[in-house]
N, C-alpha and C. Protein backbone atom coordinates (compact mmCIF):
# COMPACT_ATOMS: atom_id res chain seq x y z
N ASP A 1 7.36 13.18 -6.85
CA ASP A 1 6.52 12.91 -7.95
C ASP A 1 5.98 11.45 -7.74
N LYS A 2 4.95 11.18 -7.87
CA LYS A 2 4.34 9.79 -7.50
C LYS A 2 4.65 9.55 -8.68
N THR A 3 4.82 10.34 -10.15
CA THR A 3 4.48 9.69 -11.86
C THR A 3 6.25 9.27 -12.14
N LEU A 4 7.03 9.65 -11.10
CA LEU A 4 8.74 9.02 -11.83
C LEU A 4 9.11 7.52 -12.36
N LYS A 5 9.45 7.53 -12.46
CA LYS A 5 9.73 5.00 -12.93
C LYS A 5 10.39 5.77 -11.28
N LEU A 6 10.17 4.81 -11.09
CA LEU A 6 11.30 3.85 -9.77
C LEU A 6 12.48 3.38 -9.98
N PRO A 7 13.29 3.76 -9.45
CA PRO A 7 15.34 3.37 -8.59
C PRO A 7 15.20 1.61 -9.98
N CYS A 8 14.09 1.40 -8.34
CA CYS A 8 14.21 0.08 -8.39
C CYS A 8 13.33 -1.32 -9.19
N GLY A 9 13.41 -0.34 -10.79
CA GLY A 9 12.71 -1.11 -11.37
C GLY A 9 10.68 -1.28 -11.20
N PRO A 10 9.99 -1.58 -11.84
CA PRO A 10 7.91 -1.56 -11.61
C PRO A 10 7.98 -2.45 -10.28
N LEU A 11 7.25 -1.83 -9.43
CA LEU A 11 6.93 -2.84 -8.97
C LEU A 11 5.79 -4.28 -9.26
N PRO A 12 6.15 -4.99 -8.11
CA PRO A 12 5.43 -6.40 -8.52
C PRO A 12 3.16 -5.77 -8.45
N TRP A 13 2.21 -7.01 -9.21
CA TRP A 13 1.58 -6.17 -8.54
C TRP A 13 0.99 -6.76 -7.90
N PRO A 14 0.54 -6.34 -6.50
CA PRO A 14 0.27 -6.88 -4.76
C PRO A 14 -1.06 -8.13 -4.83
N ALA A 15 -0.11 -9.26 -4.23
CA ALA A 15 -1.27 -10.57 -3.78
C ALA A 15 -2.11 -10.06 -3.65
N GLY A 16 -3.35 -10.60 -3.74
CA GLY A 16 -4.46 -10.33 -3.17
C GLY A 16 -5.32 -9.48 -4.37
N CYS A 17 -5.12 -8.31 -4.58
CA CYS A 17 -5.42 -8.14 -5.43
C CYS A 17 -5.91 -8.49 -6.42
N PRO A 18 -7.06 -7.53 -6.98
CA PRO A 18 -8.38 -7.98 -7.98
C PRO A 18 -7.37 -8.37 -9.86
N HIS A 19 -7.00 -8.87 -10.80
CA HIS A 19 -6.54 -8.47 -12.16
C HIS A 19 -6.66 -7.13 -12.41
N PRO A 20 -5.70 -6.40 -12.87
CA PRO A 20 -5.74 -5.23 -13.32
C PRO A 20 -6.42 -5.02 -14.31
N GLY A 21 -7.03 -4.10 -14.25
CA GLY A 21 -7.96 -3.69 -15.48
C GLY A 21 -9.75 -3.65 -14.75
N TYR A 22 -9.36 -4.87 -13.41
CA TYR A 22 -10.76 -4.81 -12.61
C TYR A 22 -11.16 -2.78 -12.08
N ALA A 23 -12.57 -2.69 -12.30
CA ALA A 23 -13.10 -1.50 -11.80
C ALA A 23 -14.04 -2.02 -11.17
N PRO A 24 -14.25 -1.68 -9.53
CA PRO A 24 -15.37 -2.32 -8.25
C PRO A 24 -17.20 -1.27 -9.08
N LYS A 25 -18.09 -2.25 -8.93
CA LYS A 25 -18.89 -1.62 -9.15
C LYS A 25 -19.37 -1.04 -7.89
N THR A 26 -19.39 -1.20 -6.92
CA THR A 26 -20.58 -0.96 -6.10
C THR A 26 -19.14 0.34 -5.09
N ASN A 27 -18.17 -0.76 -4.53
CA ASN A 27 -17.77 0.45 -3.74
C ASN A 27 -16.40 0.66 -3.93
N PRO A 28 -16.19 1.91 -4.23
CA PRO A 28 -15.07 2.43 -4.62
C PRO A 28 -13.42 2.04 -3.90
N LEU A 29 -14.26 2.17 -2.20
CA LEU A 29 -12.61 1.92 -1.49
C LEU A 29 -12.30 0.33 -1.22
N ASN A 30 -12.70 -0.28 -2.15
CA ASN A 30 -12.15 -1.37 -2.25
C ASN A 30 -10.84 -1.31 -2.66
N GLY A 31 -10.38 -2.52 -1.67
CA GLY A 31 -8.66 -3.12 -1.00
C GLY A 31 -8.94 -3.24 -0.11
N ARG A 32 -7.30 -3.80 0.16
CA ARG A 32 -7.60 -4.80 1.96
C ARG A 32 -7.34 -3.62 3.45
N TRP A 33 -7.91 -3.58 3.71
CA TRP A 33 -7.41 -2.42 5.70
C TRP A 33 -6.17 -4.01 6.38
N ILE A 34 -5.82 -2.80 7.12
CA ILE A 34 -5.41 -3.65 8.00
C ILE A 34 -4.60 -2.25 9.15
N THR A 35 -4.29 -2.50 9.94
CA THR A 35 -4.64 -2.02 11.28
C THR A 35 -3.43 -2.44 12.45
N VAL A 36 -1.70 -1.88 12.66
CA VAL A 36 -1.64 -2.02 12.76
C VAL A 36 -0.89 -0.29 14.02
N SER A 37 -0.19 -1.56 15.36
CA SER A 37 -0.57 -0.61 16.32
C SER A 37 1.10 -0.81 16.83
N GLY A 38 2.22 -0.73 17.72
CA GLY A 38 3.60 -0.49 17.43
C GLY A 38 4.36 -0.32 16.78
N GLY A 39 3.99 0.79 15.87
CA GLY A 39 5.18 1.64 15.85
C GLY A 39 5.27 1.56 13.93
N GLN A 40 5.91 1.83 13.31
CA GLN A 40 5.86 1.78 11.97
C GLN A 40 6.84 0.49 11.54
N LYS A 41 8.20 -0.33 12.42
CA LYS A 41 8.61 -0.91 11.94
C LYS A 41 7.69 -2.19 12.23
N GLU A 42 6.92 -2.65 13.80
CA GLU A 42 6.15 -3.60 13.39
C GLU A 42 5.19 -3.24 12.61
N PHE A 43 4.59 -2.34 11.79
CA PHE A 43 3.89 -2.35 10.53
C PHE A 43 3.69 -2.47 10.04
N ILE A 44 5.26 -2.74 9.75
CA ILE A 44 5.69 -3.13 8.15
C ILE A 44 5.86 -4.70 8.28
N LYS A 45 6.49 -5.24 9.39
CA LYS A 45 6.97 -6.03 9.55
C LYS A 45 4.73 -7.67 9.65
N LYS A 46 3.78 -6.67 10.02
CA LYS A 46 2.82 -7.19 10.17
C LYS A 46 2.33 -7.20 8.61
N ALA A 47 2.35 -6.77 7.95
CA ALA A 47 2.05 -6.30 6.70
C ALA A 47 2.73 -7.80 5.74
N ILE A 48 3.72 -7.49 6.73
CA ILE A 48 4.51 -8.69 4.80
C ILE A 48 3.69 -10.27 5.36
N GLU A 49 3.87 -9.90 7.18
CA GLU A 49 3.10 -11.23 7.35
C GLU A 49 1.87 -11.57 6.93
N THR A 50 0.62 -10.61 6.41
CA THR A 50 -0.16 -11.09 6.62
C THR A 50 -0.68 -10.95 4.67
N GLY A 51 1.31 -11.14 4.39
CA GLY A 51 0.98 -10.96 2.24
C GLY A 51 0.67 -9.94 1.93
N MET A 52 0.62 -8.67 2.55
CA MET A 52 -0.05 -7.77 2.00
C MET A 52 0.65 -7.36 1.18
N LEU A 53 1.69 -7.16 1.62
CA LEU A 53 3.06 -5.95 1.17
C LEU A 53 4.31 -7.67 0.60
N GLY A 54 4.98 -7.40 -0.39
CA GLY A 54 5.91 -7.69 -0.37
C GLY A 54 7.31 -7.71 0.37
N ALA A 55 8.06 -8.03 0.20
CA ALA A 55 9.79 -7.51 1.53
C ALA A 55 10.22 -5.88 0.40
N ALA A 56 10.16 -6.47 -0.94
CA ALA A 56 10.08 -5.08 -1.60
C ALA A 56 9.72 -3.80 -1.80
N GLU A 57 8.13 -3.83 -1.95
CA GLU A 57 6.84 -2.90 -1.57
C GLU A 57 7.57 -2.08 -0.32
N ALA A 58 7.46 -3.29 0.75
CA ALA A 58 7.16 -2.86 2.09
C ALA A 58 8.43 -1.87 2.14
N HIS A 59 10.28 -2.16 1.81
CA HIS A 59 10.98 -0.92 2.35
C HIS A 59 10.52 0.04 1.34
N LYS A 60 9.78 -0.18 0.13
CA LYS A 60 9.84 1.37 -0.33
C LYS A 60 9.45 2.02 0.30
N ILE A 61 8.15 1.23 1.00
CA ILE A 61 7.06 1.89 2.25
C ILE A 61 7.61 2.93 3.62
N MET A 62 8.45 1.65 3.26
CA MET A 62 8.64 2.72 4.64
C MET A 62 10.47 3.71 4.24
N ALA A 63 10.76 3.30 2.74
CA ALA A 63 11.27 4.98 2.56
C ALA A 63 10.47 6.47 2.66
N ASP A 64 9.11 6.03 1.91
CA ASP A 64 8.83 6.46 2.21
C ASP A 64 8.17 7.50 3.44
N THR A 65 7.21 6.59 3.99
CA THR A 65 6.74 7.28 5.63
C THR A 65 7.20 7.68 6.79
N ASP A 66 8.09 8.59 7.00
CA ASP A 66 9.35 8.65 7.81
C ASP A 66 8.36 8.46 9.31
N HIS A 67 7.55 8.04 9.73
CA HIS A 67 6.94 8.48 10.79
C HIS A 67 8.45 7.48 11.77
N GLU A 68 8.49 7.63 12.93
CA GLU A 68 8.84 6.64 13.68
C GLU A 68 8.55 6.27 14.10
N GLN A 69 7.09 6.80 15.25
CA GLN A 69 6.80 6.02 16.16
C GLN A 69 5.44 6.68 15.36
N THR A 70 4.77 5.13 15.21
CA THR A 70 3.29 5.11 15.29
C THR A 70 2.01 4.78 16.19
N GLY A 71 0.81 5.05 15.98
CA GLY A 71 -0.21 4.56 17.23
C GLY A 71 -0.67 3.79 16.84
N GLY A 72 -2.22 3.42 16.16
CA GLY A 72 -2.48 2.52 15.14
C GLY A 72 -2.33 3.18 13.75
N MET A 73 -2.06 2.52 12.98
CA MET A 73 -1.37 3.10 11.53
C MET A 73 -2.55 2.46 11.12
N TYR A 74 -3.38 2.53 9.76
CA TYR A 74 -3.81 2.31 8.92
C TYR A 74 -2.99 1.72 7.22
N LEU A 75 -3.06 1.20 7.30
CA LEU A 75 -2.52 0.84 5.24
C LEU A 75 -3.95 0.06 4.19
N ARG A 76 -3.76 1.07 3.61
CA ARG A 76 -5.15 0.19 2.73
C ARG A 76 -4.49 0.37 1.34
N ILE A 77 -4.70 -1.10 0.69
CA ILE A 77 -4.04 -1.20 -0.51
C ILE A 77 -5.83 -0.79 -1.34
N ASN A 78 -5.51 -0.34 -2.61
CA ASN A 78 -6.49 0.04 -3.66
C ASN A 78 -6.07 -0.09 -4.54
N GLN A 79 -7.06 -0.50 -5.03
CA GLN A 79 -7.32 -0.55 -7.31
C GLN A 79 -8.16 -0.37 -8.19
N ARG A 80 -7.83 0.67 -9.03
CA ARG A 80 -8.52 1.30 -9.92
C ARG A 80 -8.07 0.76 -11.37
N GLY A 81 -8.80 -0.10 -11.55
CA GLY A 81 -8.01 -0.63 -12.74
C GLY A 81 -7.27 -0.88 -13.15
N ASP A 82 -5.80 -0.23 -13.51
CA ASP A 82 -4.52 -0.99 -13.43
C ASP A 82 -3.84 0.34 -13.14
N THR A 83 -4.42 0.46 -12.33
CA THR A 83 -3.53 1.23 -11.60
C THR A 83 -3.47 0.89 -9.72
N CYS A 84 -2.56 1.18 -8.75
CA CYS A 84 -2.17 -0.01 -7.39
C CYS A 84 -2.33 1.42 -6.61
N THR A 85 -2.45 1.92 -4.95
CA THR A 85 -2.36 3.07 -4.80
C THR A 85 -2.07 2.28 -2.82
N VAL A 86 -0.66 2.78 -2.11
CA VAL A 86 -0.78 1.98 -1.39
C VAL A 86 -0.87 3.53 -0.29
N ASP A 87 -2.23 3.48 0.67
CA ASP A 87 -2.57 4.07 1.38
C ASP A 87 -2.34 3.83 2.93
N ALA A 88 -0.89 4.37 3.31
CA ALA A 88 -0.92 4.56 4.89
C ALA A 88 -1.14 5.85 5.59
N SER A 89 -1.54 5.93 6.54
CA SER A 89 -2.14 6.78 7.74
C SER A 89 -2.52 6.67 9.18
N VAL A 90 -2.84 7.29 9.70
CA VAL A 90 -3.94 7.20 10.81
C VAL A 90 -5.05 7.15 10.91
N ALA A 91 -5.25 7.97 10.09
CA ALA A 91 -6.93 7.75 9.75
C ALA A 91 -7.22 7.16 8.39
N LYS A 92 -8.54 7.02 9.18
CA LYS A 92 -9.11 5.91 7.97
C LYS A 92 -9.22 6.63 6.31
N TYR A 93 -9.52 7.63 6.22
CA TYR A 93 -9.51 8.15 4.70
C TYR A 93 -7.88 8.41 4.57
N ALA A 94 -7.16 8.05 3.91
CA ALA A 94 -5.23 8.50 4.21
C ALA A 94 -5.41 9.20 2.38
N ARG A 95 -4.27 9.65 2.41
CA ARG A 95 -4.05 10.14 0.87
C ARG A 95 -3.35 9.10 0.29
N ALA A 96 -3.09 8.87 -1.36
CA ALA A 96 -2.29 8.43 -1.71
C ALA A 96 -0.40 8.16 -1.19
N LYS A 97 0.06 7.06 -1.04
CA LYS A 97 1.62 7.35 -1.03
C LYS A 97 2.49 6.88 -2.21
N ARG A 98 2.00 5.64 -2.39
CA ARG A 98 2.85 5.51 -3.54
C ARG A 98 1.62 4.96 -5.06
N THR A 99 1.69 5.45 -6.02
CA THR A 99 0.54 4.17 -7.10
C THR A 99 1.16 3.71 -8.32
N TRP A 100 1.02 2.34 -8.76
CA TRP A 100 1.87 2.17 -9.63
C TRP A 100 0.81 1.27 -10.71
N ARG A 101 1.17 1.36 -10.92
CA ARG A 101 0.77 0.50 -11.94
C ARG A 101 0.89 -1.02 -13.03
N SER A 102 0.00 -1.68 -13.04
CA SER A 102 0.90 -3.01 -13.95
C SER A 102 1.78 -2.86 -14.90
N GLY A 103 2.43 -4.53 -14.70
CA GLY A 103 3.32 -4.21 -15.51
C GLY A 103 4.63 -3.00 -15.97
């Protein structure tokens, strides 16, 4: 259930996303994409290096995505208003893995 409060407290707003409350006028898939090959561990490492994820978020996602080996993963951090979603998937159009709100 994605609406439950997280045990670790609220997640930080992802670096590089527009301010909470920003709504895209043109591209509904606004957000940042990252493609990774070399499995889950590498994928998360890469995401941290590119500044896309804080370490806390990364561990959370690691717990959520239990694939051991992934060929080429896509990660998208998407934002609509004050809600942020992280999608991790092998396909470009992923379904949301994690959603959180500012504050």
